[in-house]
Amino acid sequence: MQAALGPWPIRGIVVLFWIAAGGIGWYHLVFPTANLTGSATIAIALILICIDQGRMAWVDLHNIYQVSLAERRVAIFYGVTLVTIAIELIGFYLVWQHLVLGMVIFLISQLFFNTAANIQLYPHSQEPIRPFPMPARWPVLVANGIALSLITLWQANYLRQLTSALWLGMVVIYLVVKYWVATNTAATADGGESP
């Protein structure tokens, strides 16, 4: 039995991430609805991470589509991925009007995924389903916790510039490690939502 989502619904989900990223830019960069210190910096970080998560939704769903859902672990991973995508999109769309609330919901989606997803899929390899133990997920979970802490600190006006810059810095470092450094590691090519 194959995953219910074929290539076209997957593309539709990715488009939802692109629309969300465009809305973040529109409401926080082009025509900001609230003059919040550091919100433009946060918006740039969120646009980058939204585009990345759209790509990862494509990768995860495409990989699931190529692996049998008869395998219980894959079926569970499929459900975790769909729930994560739904929570991510809710967070990114909420960011349009409620910056902090949207960011918190997005980070909850990441904490949920990186806690619940205990496998990674590599459909074209000899071992298409590989365990992803908790010790390997700790760095990402710690980074998610730090990002959540920065959002809490961002609420204090006098810390907004600093925490916004730190948040953007974390996102840039994450993307550089994921797409530049990891290109030398063949295993990263079929990764999941987590780096």
Protein backbone atom coordinates (compact mmCIF):
# COMPACT_ATOMS: atom_id res chain seq x y z
CA MET A 1 0.00 0.00 0.00
CA GLN A 2 1.43 3.35 -1.01
CA ALA A 3 1.03 6.67 0.73
CA ALA A 4 -2.22 8.45 -0.11
CA LEU A 5 -0.43 11.60 -1.22
CA GLY A 6 0.90 11.56 -4.78
CA PRO A 7 3.12 14.16 -6.46
CA TRP A 8 0.36 16.74 -7.09
CA PRO A 9 -0.95 16.98 -3.51
CA ILE A 10 2.66 17.19 -2.32
CA ARG A 11 3.26 20.13 -4.69
CA GLY A 12 0.10 21.75 -3.31
CA ILE A 13 1.45 21.48 0.23
CA VAL A 14 4.75 23.05 -0.84
CA VAL A 15 2.82 25.93 -2.46
CA LEU A 16 1.12 26.54 0.89
CA PHE A 17 4.58 27.08 2.42
CA TRP A 18 5.51 29.51 -0.39
CA ILE A 19 2.28 31.47 0.17
CA ALA A 20 3.00 31.57 3.91
CA ALA A 21 6.54 32.87 3.26
CA GLY A 22 5.16 35.52 0.90
CA GLY A 23 2.60 36.59 3.49
CA ILE A 24 5.28 36.94 6.17
CA GLY A 25 7.23 39.22 3.84
CA TRP A 26 4.13 41.19 2.92
CA TYR A 27 2.90 41.78 6.48
CA HIS A 28 6.27 42.32 8.16
CA LEU A 29 8.58 43.73 5.47
CA VAL A 30 6.54 45.39 2.70
CA PHE A 31 3.54 46.72 4.65
CA PRO A 32 4.20 46.04 8.33
CA THR A 33 0.98 46.08 10.37
CA ALA A 34 2.85 46.68 13.63
CA ASN A 35 6.00 48.71 14.20
CA LEU A 36 7.75 46.19 16.44
CA THR A 37 11.49 46.54 17.04
CA GLY A 38 13.35 43.67 15.39
CA SER A 39 10.28 42.28 13.62
CA ALA A 40 11.86 42.74 10.16
CA THR A 41 14.89 40.68 11.23
CA ILE A 42 12.64 37.96 12.64
CA ALA A 43 10.55 38.06 9.45
CA ILE A 44 13.62 37.41 7.27
CA ALA A 45 14.55 34.45 9.49
CA LEU A 46 11.00 33.09 9.29
CA ILE A 47 10.84 33.45 5.50
CA LEU A 48 14.08 31.46 5.17
CA ILE A 49 12.93 28.74 7.56
CA CYS A 50 9.46 28.60 5.98
CA ILE A 51 10.97 27.96 2.54
CA ASP A 52 13.27 25.32 4.06
CA GLN A 53 10.37 23.58 5.80
CA GLY A 54 8.40 23.57 2.55
CA ARG A 55 11.33 21.79 0.92
CA MET A 56 11.55 19.32 3.80
CA ALA A 57 7.80 18.62 3.57
CA TRP A 58 8.40 17.74 -0.09
CA VAL A 59 11.37 15.50 0.78
CA ASP A 60 9.60 13.67 3.61
CA LEU A 61 6.32 13.12 1.76
CA HIS A 62 8.11 12.13 -1.44
CA ASN A 63 10.18 9.59 0.48
CA ILE A 64 7.10 8.22 2.25
CA TYR A 65 5.34 7.95 -1.12
CA GLN A 66 8.10 5.62 -2.29
CA VAL A 67 8.11 3.38 0.80
CA SER A 68 5.37 0.90 1.76
CA LEU A 69 2.97 2.02 4.47
CA ALA A 70 2.54 -1.64 5.34
CA GLU A 71 5.60 -1.10 7.53
CA ARG A 72 4.20 0.16 10.87
CA ARG A 73 7.15 2.49 11.51
CA VAL A 74 6.58 4.22 8.16
CA ALA A 75 2.84 4.60 8.83
CA ILE A 76 3.61 6.25 12.18
CA PHE A 77 6.24 8.49 10.57
CA TYR A 78 3.68 9.45 7.90
CA GLY A 79 1.20 10.53 10.58
CA VAL A 80 3.87 12.45 12.50
CA THR A 81 4.92 14.21 9.29
CA LEU A 82 1.36 15.23 8.37
CA VAL A 83 0.66 16.55 11.88
CA THR A 84 3.97 18.45 11.85
CA ILE A 85 3.22 20.04 8.47
CA ALA A 86 -0.26 21.09 9.64
CA ILE A 87 1.11 22.69 12.84
CA GLU A 88 3.94 24.39 10.90
CA LEU A 89 1.51 25.91 8.41
CA ILE A 90 -0.79 27.13 11.19
CA GLY A 91 2.23 28.78 12.83
CA PHE A 92 3.52 30.39 9.65
CA TYR A 93 0.09 31.78 8.70
CA LEU A 94 -0.47 33.07 12.25
CA VAL A 95 2.86 34.93 11.99
CA TRP A 96 1.18 37.26 9.50
CA GLN A 97 -0.81 38.93 12.29
CA HIS A 98 0.55 37.44 15.53
CA LEU A 99 4.32 37.23 15.21
CA VAL A 100 5.18 35.71 18.59
CA LEU A 101 2.24 33.28 18.72
CA GLY A 102 3.01 32.02 15.21
CA MET A 103 6.68 31.53 16.04
CA VAL A 104 5.83 29.60 19.21
CA ILE A 105 3.44 27.30 17.32
CA PHE A 106 6.06 26.70 14.61
CA LEU A 107 8.66 25.76 17.24
CA ILE A 108 6.16 23.44 18.93
CA SER A 109 5.85 21.65 15.57
CA GLN A 110 9.62 21.20 15.49
CA LEU A 111 9.78 19.93 19.06
CA PHE A 112 6.95 17.51 18.26
CA PHE A 113 8.61 16.19 15.08
CA ASN A 114 12.08 15.84 16.54
CA THR A 115 10.67 14.03 19.57
CA ALA A 116 8.25 11.73 17.73
CA ALA A 117 10.10 10.89 14.49
CA ASN A 118 12.35 7.96 15.33
CA ILE A 119 13.21 6.88 11.78
CA GLN A 120 14.64 8.41 8.61
CA LEU A 121 13.76 7.25 5.10
CA TYR A 122 16.24 6.60 2.27
CA PRO A 123 14.05 4.99 -0.43
CA HIS A 124 16.82 4.32 -2.96
CA SER A 125 19.28 2.71 -0.55
CA GLN A 126 19.74 -0.87 0.60
CA GLU A 127 18.37 0.12 4.01
CA PRO A 128 15.41 2.40 3.18
CA ILE A 129 14.18 2.66 6.80
CA ARG A 130 16.83 3.63 9.31
CA PRO A 131 16.44 4.21 13.04
CA PHE A 132 16.92 7.78 14.24
CA PRO A 133 17.64 7.37 17.98
CA MET A 134 16.99 10.09 20.53
CA PRO A 135 20.72 10.82 21.18
CA ALA A 136 21.05 11.83 17.51
CA ARG A 137 18.10 14.21 17.89
CA TRP A 138 19.31 16.03 21.01
CA PRO A 139 21.26 18.78 19.18
CA VAL A 140 18.16 19.76 17.20
CA LEU A 141 15.92 19.62 20.27
CA VAL A 142 18.38 21.82 22.20
CA ALA A 143 18.43 24.31 19.28
CA ASN A 144 14.61 24.33 19.28
CA GLY A 145 14.65 25.04 23.03
CA ILE A 146 17.12 27.91 22.59
CA ALA A 147 14.99 29.39 19.79
CA LEU A 148 11.91 29.20 22.05
CA SER A 149 13.85 30.91 24.85
CA LEU A 150 14.87 33.72 22.48
CA ILE A 151 11.22 34.31 21.60
CA THR A 152 10.45 34.65 25.31
CA LEU A 153 13.30 37.15 25.72
CA TRP A 154 12.12 39.01 22.59
CA GLN A 155 9.02 40.07 24.51
CA ALA A 156 11.22 42.48 26.49
CA ASN A 157 11.54 45.65 24.37
CA TYR A 158 15.15 46.37 25.32
CA LEU A 159 16.24 42.88 24.16
CA ARG A 160 14.41 42.77 20.83
CA GLN A 161 17.27 43.88 18.57
CA LEU A 162 19.67 41.41 20.18
CA THR A 163 17.28 38.45 20.26
CA SER A 164 16.13 39.13 16.68
CA ALA A 165 19.74 39.12 15.47
CA LEU A 166 20.46 35.92 17.43
CA TRP A 167 17.37 34.24 15.95
CA LEU A 168 18.39 35.18 12.41
CA GLY A 169 21.95 34.05 13.15
CA MET A 170 20.70 30.66 14.35
CA VAL A 171 18.62 30.20 11.21
CA VAL A 172 21.52 31.15 8.91
CA ILE A 173 23.91 28.80 10.75
CA TYR A 174 21.32 26.00 10.58
CA LEU A 175 20.83 26.48 6.83
CA VAL A 176 24.57 26.75 6.12
CA VAL A 177 25.27 23.55 8.06
CA LYS A 178 22.34 21.78 6.45
CA TYR A 179 22.89 22.76 2.81
CA TRP A 180 26.56 23.66 2.52
CA VAL A 181 28.46 21.59 5.06
CA ALA A 182 26.17 18.59 4.74
CA THR A 183 26.55 18.39 0.95
CA ASN A 184 29.73 16.45 1.66
CA THR A 185 27.70 13.82 3.49
CA ALA A 186 25.76 11.56 1.16
CA ALA A 187 23.36 10.52 3.90
CA THR A 188 21.92 14.04 4.18
CA ALA A 189 20.49 13.95 0.67
CA ASP A 190 17.31 12.11 1.76
CA GLY A 191 17.02 13.58 5.26
CA GLY A 192 13.83 14.37 7.09
CA GLU A 193 12.43 17.49 8.65
CA SER A 194 15.29 17.50 11.10
CA PRO A 195 18.77 18.34 9.79
